[in-house]
Amino acid sequence: MLSPVLPEILMEIFTFLKLNDKMEHFIAFFVLSFLLNRASSTVTHRIRNVIALLLFGIMIEFIQYFVPNRSASRYDVLANFMGIVMFQFSFSTYLYFKGKKKTSIE
């Protein structure tokens, strides 16, 4: 899945690590969530980003259903969703501890 967008060296690393398809989906949507979050990180924008990325993942799987030699998988959508949620959880945790550190210094 990632081969069209990643440099060859990263694809060699992924091949070496023997990442399965679901892990590639997880990583791709974790990174997409990070990139969208960098563009806009207010709470309302983050909610919008989660919904947009989830719909994007569902749309990709829906289109693959109609493409020859491809198949749609609800587990791919689940892996996409888990990548999005894991980033949002990680980022929220980071913001929480960053805020605690700032208040403890003052």
N, C-alpha and C. Protein backbone atom coordinates (compact mmCIF):
# COMPACT_ATOMS: atom_id res chain seq x y z
N MET A 1 0.80 -1.19 0.00
CA MET A 1 0.00 0.00 0.00
C MET A 1 0.85 1.26 0.00
N LEU A 2 1.94 1.28 0.72
CA LEU A 2 2.74 2.49 0.84
C LEU A 2 3.76 2.68 -0.28
N SER A 3 3.97 1.67 -1.10
CA SER A 3 5.03 1.76 -2.09
C SER A 3 4.93 2.94 -3.04
N PRO A 4 3.73 3.40 -3.46
CA PRO A 4 3.71 4.55 -4.36
C PRO A 4 4.15 5.86 -3.73
N VAL A 5 4.10 5.98 -2.41
CA VAL A 5 4.38 7.27 -1.78
C VAL A 5 5.67 7.32 -0.97
N LEU A 6 6.28 6.20 -0.72
CA LEU A 6 7.48 6.20 0.11
C LEU A 6 8.74 6.04 -0.73
N PRO A 7 9.81 6.69 -0.31
CA PRO A 7 11.09 6.48 -0.99
C PRO A 7 11.50 5.01 -0.93
N GLU A 8 12.31 4.61 -1.87
CA GLU A 8 12.71 3.20 -1.98
C GLU A 8 13.39 2.69 -0.71
N ILE A 9 14.20 3.51 -0.05
CA ILE A 9 14.90 3.07 1.15
C ILE A 9 13.91 2.71 2.26
N LEU A 10 12.82 3.48 2.40
CA LEU A 10 11.83 3.15 3.41
C LEU A 10 11.09 1.86 3.05
N MET A 11 10.84 1.66 1.77
CA MET A 11 10.18 0.42 1.37
C MET A 11 11.08 -0.78 1.67
N GLU A 12 12.39 -0.62 1.51
CA GLU A 12 13.33 -1.69 1.86
C GLU A 12 13.28 -1.98 3.36
N ILE A 13 13.17 -0.94 4.17
CA ILE A 13 13.07 -1.12 5.62
C ILE A 13 11.78 -1.86 5.96
N PHE A 14 10.65 -1.44 5.35
CA PHE A 14 9.38 -2.12 5.60
C PHE A 14 9.44 -3.57 5.16
N THR A 15 10.09 -3.82 4.02
CA THR A 15 10.22 -5.20 3.55
C THR A 15 11.06 -6.01 4.52
N PHE A 16 12.14 -5.41 5.01
CA PHE A 16 13.00 -6.08 5.97
C PHE A 16 12.24 -6.39 7.26
N LEU A 17 11.42 -5.45 7.71
CA LEU A 17 10.66 -5.66 8.94
C LEU A 17 9.48 -6.60 8.75
N LYS A 18 9.16 -6.90 7.49
CA LYS A 18 8.05 -7.79 7.16
C LYS A 18 6.73 -7.30 7.78
N LEU A 19 6.46 -6.00 7.59
CA LEU A 19 5.20 -5.44 8.09
C LEU A 19 4.05 -5.97 7.25
N ASN A 20 3.00 -6.36 7.90
CA ASN A 20 1.85 -6.84 7.13
C ASN A 20 1.01 -5.66 6.67
N ASP A 21 0.03 -5.95 5.86
CA ASP A 21 -0.82 -4.93 5.25
C ASP A 21 -1.52 -4.07 6.30
N LYS A 22 -2.00 -4.66 7.35
CA LYS A 22 -2.74 -3.91 8.37
C LYS A 22 -1.82 -2.93 9.10
N MET A 23 -0.59 -3.34 9.34
CA MET A 23 0.37 -2.45 10.00
C MET A 23 0.71 -1.28 9.09
N GLU A 24 0.79 -1.54 7.78
CA GLU A 24 1.04 -0.45 6.84
C GLU A 24 -0.12 0.54 6.85
N HIS A 25 -1.35 0.04 6.91
CA HIS A 25 -2.51 0.92 7.00
C HIS A 25 -2.44 1.75 8.28
N PHE A 26 -2.12 1.11 9.39
CA PHE A 26 -2.01 1.78 10.68
C PHE A 26 -0.98 2.92 10.60
N ILE A 27 0.20 2.62 10.08
CA ILE A 27 1.27 3.61 9.99
C ILE A 27 0.86 4.76 9.06
N ALA A 28 0.28 4.42 7.93
CA ALA A 28 -0.10 5.44 6.95
C ALA A 28 -1.10 6.42 7.55
N PHE A 29 -2.11 5.91 8.25
CA PHE A 29 -3.12 6.80 8.80
C PHE A 29 -2.65 7.49 10.07
N PHE A 30 -1.71 6.91 10.79
CA PHE A 30 -1.08 7.60 11.91
C PHE A 30 -0.35 8.84 11.38
N VAL A 31 0.42 8.64 10.30
CA VAL A 31 1.18 9.74 9.70
C VAL A 31 0.24 10.78 9.09
N LEU A 32 -0.80 10.33 8.39
CA LEU A 32 -1.77 11.28 7.82
C LEU A 32 -2.43 12.10 8.92
N SER A 33 -2.75 11.47 10.02
CA SER A 33 -3.36 12.18 11.14
C SER A 33 -2.39 13.21 11.71
N PHE A 34 -1.13 12.83 11.82
CA PHE A 34 -0.10 13.77 12.28
C PHE A 34 -0.01 14.97 11.35
N LEU A 35 0.04 14.71 10.05
CA LEU A 35 0.18 15.80 9.08
C LEU A 35 -1.03 16.74 9.10
N LEU A 36 -2.23 16.17 9.16
CA LEU A 36 -3.41 17.02 9.24
C LEU A 36 -3.43 17.81 10.54
N ASN A 37 -2.97 17.19 11.61
CA ASN A 37 -2.95 17.86 12.90
C ASN A 37 -1.95 19.02 12.89
N ARG A 38 -0.87 18.86 12.16
CA ARG A 38 0.11 19.95 12.06
C ARG A 38 -0.50 21.15 11.34
N ALA A 39 -1.42 20.89 10.41
CA ALA A 39 -2.06 21.97 9.67
C ALA A 39 -3.09 22.71 10.52
N SER A 40 -3.77 21.98 11.39
CA SER A 40 -4.79 22.60 12.23
C SER A 40 -5.01 21.73 13.46
N SER A 41 -4.72 22.26 14.63
CA SER A 41 -4.75 21.41 15.82
C SER A 41 -5.72 21.86 16.90
N THR A 42 -6.68 22.73 16.58
CA THR A 42 -7.68 23.04 17.58
C THR A 42 -8.58 21.82 17.76
N VAL A 43 -9.31 21.77 18.84
CA VAL A 43 -10.13 20.59 19.13
C VAL A 43 -11.16 20.34 18.03
N THR A 44 -11.83 21.40 17.58
CA THR A 44 -12.83 21.20 16.52
C THR A 44 -12.18 20.74 15.22
N HIS A 45 -11.01 21.26 14.93
CA HIS A 45 -10.30 20.81 13.73
C HIS A 45 -9.84 19.36 13.87
N ARG A 46 -9.43 18.98 15.06
CA ARG A 46 -9.00 17.59 15.28
C ARG A 46 -10.16 16.63 15.08
N ILE A 47 -11.34 16.99 15.56
CA ILE A 47 -12.52 16.14 15.36
C ILE A 47 -12.84 16.05 13.87
N ARG A 48 -12.80 17.19 13.20
CA ARG A 48 -13.03 17.21 11.75
C ARG A 48 -12.01 16.35 11.02
N ASN A 49 -10.75 16.42 11.44
CA ASN A 49 -9.69 15.63 10.81
C ASN A 49 -9.93 14.13 10.98
N VAL A 50 -10.34 13.73 12.18
CA VAL A 50 -10.62 12.31 12.43
C VAL A 50 -11.73 11.82 11.52
N ILE A 51 -12.80 12.59 11.44
CA ILE A 51 -13.93 12.19 10.60
C ILE A 51 -13.53 12.15 9.13
N ALA A 52 -12.80 13.18 8.67
CA ALA A 52 -12.37 13.22 7.27
C ALA A 52 -11.46 12.05 6.92
N LEU A 53 -10.51 11.74 7.80
CA LEU A 53 -9.60 10.62 7.52
C LEU A 53 -10.33 9.28 7.55
N LEU A 54 -11.26 9.13 8.46
CA LEU A 54 -12.03 7.89 8.52
C LEU A 54 -12.86 7.72 7.24
N LEU A 55 -13.51 8.79 6.81
CA LEU A 55 -14.28 8.72 5.57
C LEU A 55 -13.38 8.45 4.36
N PHE A 56 -12.18 9.03 4.37
CA PHE A 56 -11.21 8.78 3.31
C PHE A 56 -10.83 7.30 3.27
N GLY A 57 -10.56 6.71 4.42
CA GLY A 57 -10.22 5.30 4.49
C GLY A 57 -11.36 4.40 4.01
N ILE A 58 -12.58 4.75 4.40
CA ILE A 58 -13.75 3.98 3.94
C ILE A 58 -13.91 4.11 2.44
N MET A 59 -13.72 5.33 1.92
CA MET A 59 -13.85 5.56 0.48
C MET A 59 -12.82 4.75 -0.30
N ILE A 60 -11.59 4.70 0.19
CA ILE A 60 -10.55 3.93 -0.47
C ILE A 60 -10.95 2.46 -0.56
N GLU A 61 -11.44 1.91 0.53
CA GLU A 61 -11.85 0.50 0.53
C GLU A 61 -13.05 0.27 -0.37
N PHE A 62 -13.98 1.20 -0.40
CA PHE A 62 -15.15 1.08 -1.27
C PHE A 62 -14.73 1.06 -2.73
N ILE A 63 -13.81 1.96 -3.10
CA ILE A 63 -13.32 1.99 -4.48
C ILE A 63 -12.59 0.71 -4.83
N GLN A 64 -11.80 0.18 -3.90
CA GLN A 64 -11.06 -1.06 -4.16
C GLN A 64 -11.98 -2.23 -4.45
N TYR A 65 -13.19 -2.18 -3.94
CA TYR A 65 -14.17 -3.25 -4.20
C TYR A 65 -14.45 -3.39 -5.69
N PHE A 66 -14.38 -2.27 -6.42
CA PHE A 66 -14.70 -2.27 -7.84
C PHE A 66 -13.47 -2.40 -8.74
N VAL A 67 -12.28 -2.38 -8.18
CA VAL A 67 -11.05 -2.46 -8.97
C VAL A 67 -10.65 -3.92 -9.13
N PRO A 68 -10.39 -4.35 -10.37
CA PRO A 68 -9.97 -5.75 -10.57
C PRO A 68 -8.68 -6.06 -9.80
N ASN A 69 -8.58 -7.27 -9.32
CA ASN A 69 -7.42 -7.77 -8.56
C ASN A 69 -7.20 -7.05 -7.24
N ARG A 70 -8.21 -6.34 -6.75
CA ARG A 70 -8.14 -5.70 -5.44
C ARG A 70 -9.34 -6.16 -4.64
N SER A 71 -9.27 -6.03 -3.35
CA SER A 71 -10.42 -6.41 -2.52
C SER A 71 -10.57 -5.40 -1.39
N ALA A 72 -11.80 -5.18 -1.02
CA ALA A 72 -12.09 -4.29 0.11
C ALA A 72 -12.05 -5.11 1.39
N SER A 73 -11.61 -4.48 2.45
CA SER A 73 -11.52 -5.19 3.73
C SER A 73 -11.93 -4.27 4.87
N ARG A 74 -12.86 -4.75 5.66
CA ARG A 74 -13.26 -3.94 6.83
C ARG A 74 -12.13 -3.88 7.85
N TYR A 75 -11.22 -4.85 7.80
CA TYR A 75 -10.09 -4.83 8.72
C TYR A 75 -9.08 -3.75 8.33
N ASP A 76 -9.01 -3.42 7.04
CA ASP A 76 -8.18 -2.29 6.61
C ASP A 76 -8.75 -0.99 7.18
N VAL A 77 -10.07 -0.85 7.14
CA VAL A 77 -10.72 0.34 7.71
C VAL A 77 -10.46 0.39 9.21
N LEU A 78 -10.52 -0.75 9.87
CA LEU A 78 -10.25 -0.80 11.30
C LEU A 78 -8.80 -0.40 11.60
N ALA A 79 -7.86 -0.89 10.79
CA ALA A 79 -6.45 -0.53 10.97
C ALA A 79 -6.25 0.97 10.73
N ASN A 80 -6.94 1.52 9.72
CA ASN A 80 -6.88 2.96 9.47
C ASN A 80 -7.38 3.72 10.70
N PHE A 81 -8.53 3.32 11.21
CA PHE A 81 -9.13 3.97 12.36
C PHE A 81 -8.21 3.88 13.59
N MET A 82 -7.60 2.73 13.79
CA MET A 82 -6.70 2.57 14.93
C MET A 82 -5.47 3.49 14.81
N GLY A 83 -4.96 3.67 13.60
CA GLY A 83 -3.85 4.60 13.40
C GLY A 83 -4.24 6.02 13.74
N ILE A 84 -5.44 6.42 13.31
CA ILE A 84 -5.95 7.76 13.61
C ILE A 84 -6.13 7.94 15.11
N VAL A 85 -6.79 6.99 15.74
CA VAL A 85 -7.07 7.08 17.18
C VAL A 85 -5.78 7.06 17.99
N MET A 86 -4.84 6.22 17.61
CA MET A 86 -3.58 6.14 18.35
C MET A 86 -2.81 7.47 18.28
N PHE A 87 -2.81 8.09 17.10
CA PHE A 87 -2.15 9.40 17.03
C PHE A 87 -2.87 10.41 17.91
N GLN A 88 -4.19 10.47 17.81
CA GLN A 88 -4.95 11.45 18.59
C GLN A 88 -4.76 11.22 20.08
N PHE A 89 -4.74 9.96 20.50
CA PHE A 89 -4.49 9.64 21.90
C PHE A 89 -3.08 10.09 22.31
N SER A 90 -2.10 9.78 21.48
CA SER A 90 -0.71 10.17 21.78
C SER A 90 -0.57 11.69 21.87
N PHE A 91 -1.19 12.38 20.92
CA PHE A 91 -1.10 13.83 20.91
C PHE A 91 -1.81 14.44 22.12
N SER A 92 -2.97 13.91 22.45
CA SER A 92 -3.71 14.40 23.62
C SER A 92 -2.91 14.17 24.91
N THR A 93 -2.28 13.02 25.01
CA THR A 93 -1.44 12.72 26.18
C THR A 93 -0.27 13.68 26.25
N TYR A 94 0.35 13.94 25.10
CA TYR A 94 1.45 14.91 25.04
C TYR A 94 0.99 16.28 25.52
N LEU A 95 -0.15 16.75 25.02
CA LEU A 95 -0.66 18.06 25.42
C LEU A 95 -0.99 18.10 26.90
N TYR A 96 -1.53 17.01 27.42
CA TYR A 96 -1.87 16.94 28.84
C TYR A 96 -0.63 17.11 29.70
N PHE A 97 0.41 16.34 29.41
CA PHE A 97 1.62 16.42 30.22
C PHE A 97 2.39 17.71 29.98
N LYS A 98 2.31 18.25 28.80
CA LYS A 98 2.93 19.53 28.51
C LYS A 98 2.26 20.62 29.35
N GLY A 99 0.93 20.58 29.43
CA GLY A 99 0.20 21.53 30.26
C GLY A 99 0.48 21.36 31.73
N LYS A 100 0.60 20.13 32.20
CA LYS A 100 0.92 19.86 33.62
C LYS A 100 2.31 20.38 33.97
N LYS A 101 3.25 20.16 33.04
CA LYS A 101 4.62 20.61 33.29
C LYS A 101 4.65 22.13 33.38
N LYS A 102 3.91 22.79 32.50
CA LYS A 102 3.89 24.26 32.49
C LYS A 102 3.28 24.79 33.79
N THR A 103 2.20 24.17 34.28
CA THR A 103 1.57 24.65 35.51
C THR A 103 2.40 24.33 36.74
N SER A 104 3.16 23.26 36.71
CA SER A 104 3.98 22.92 37.87
C SER A 104 5.20 23.83 37.97
N ILE A 105 5.62 24.38 36.85
CA ILE A 105 6.77 25.30 36.85
C ILE A 105 6.33 26.66 37.42
N GLU A 106 5.12 27.08 37.13
CA GLU A 106 4.65 28.40 37.57
C GLU A 106 4.35 28.45 39.01
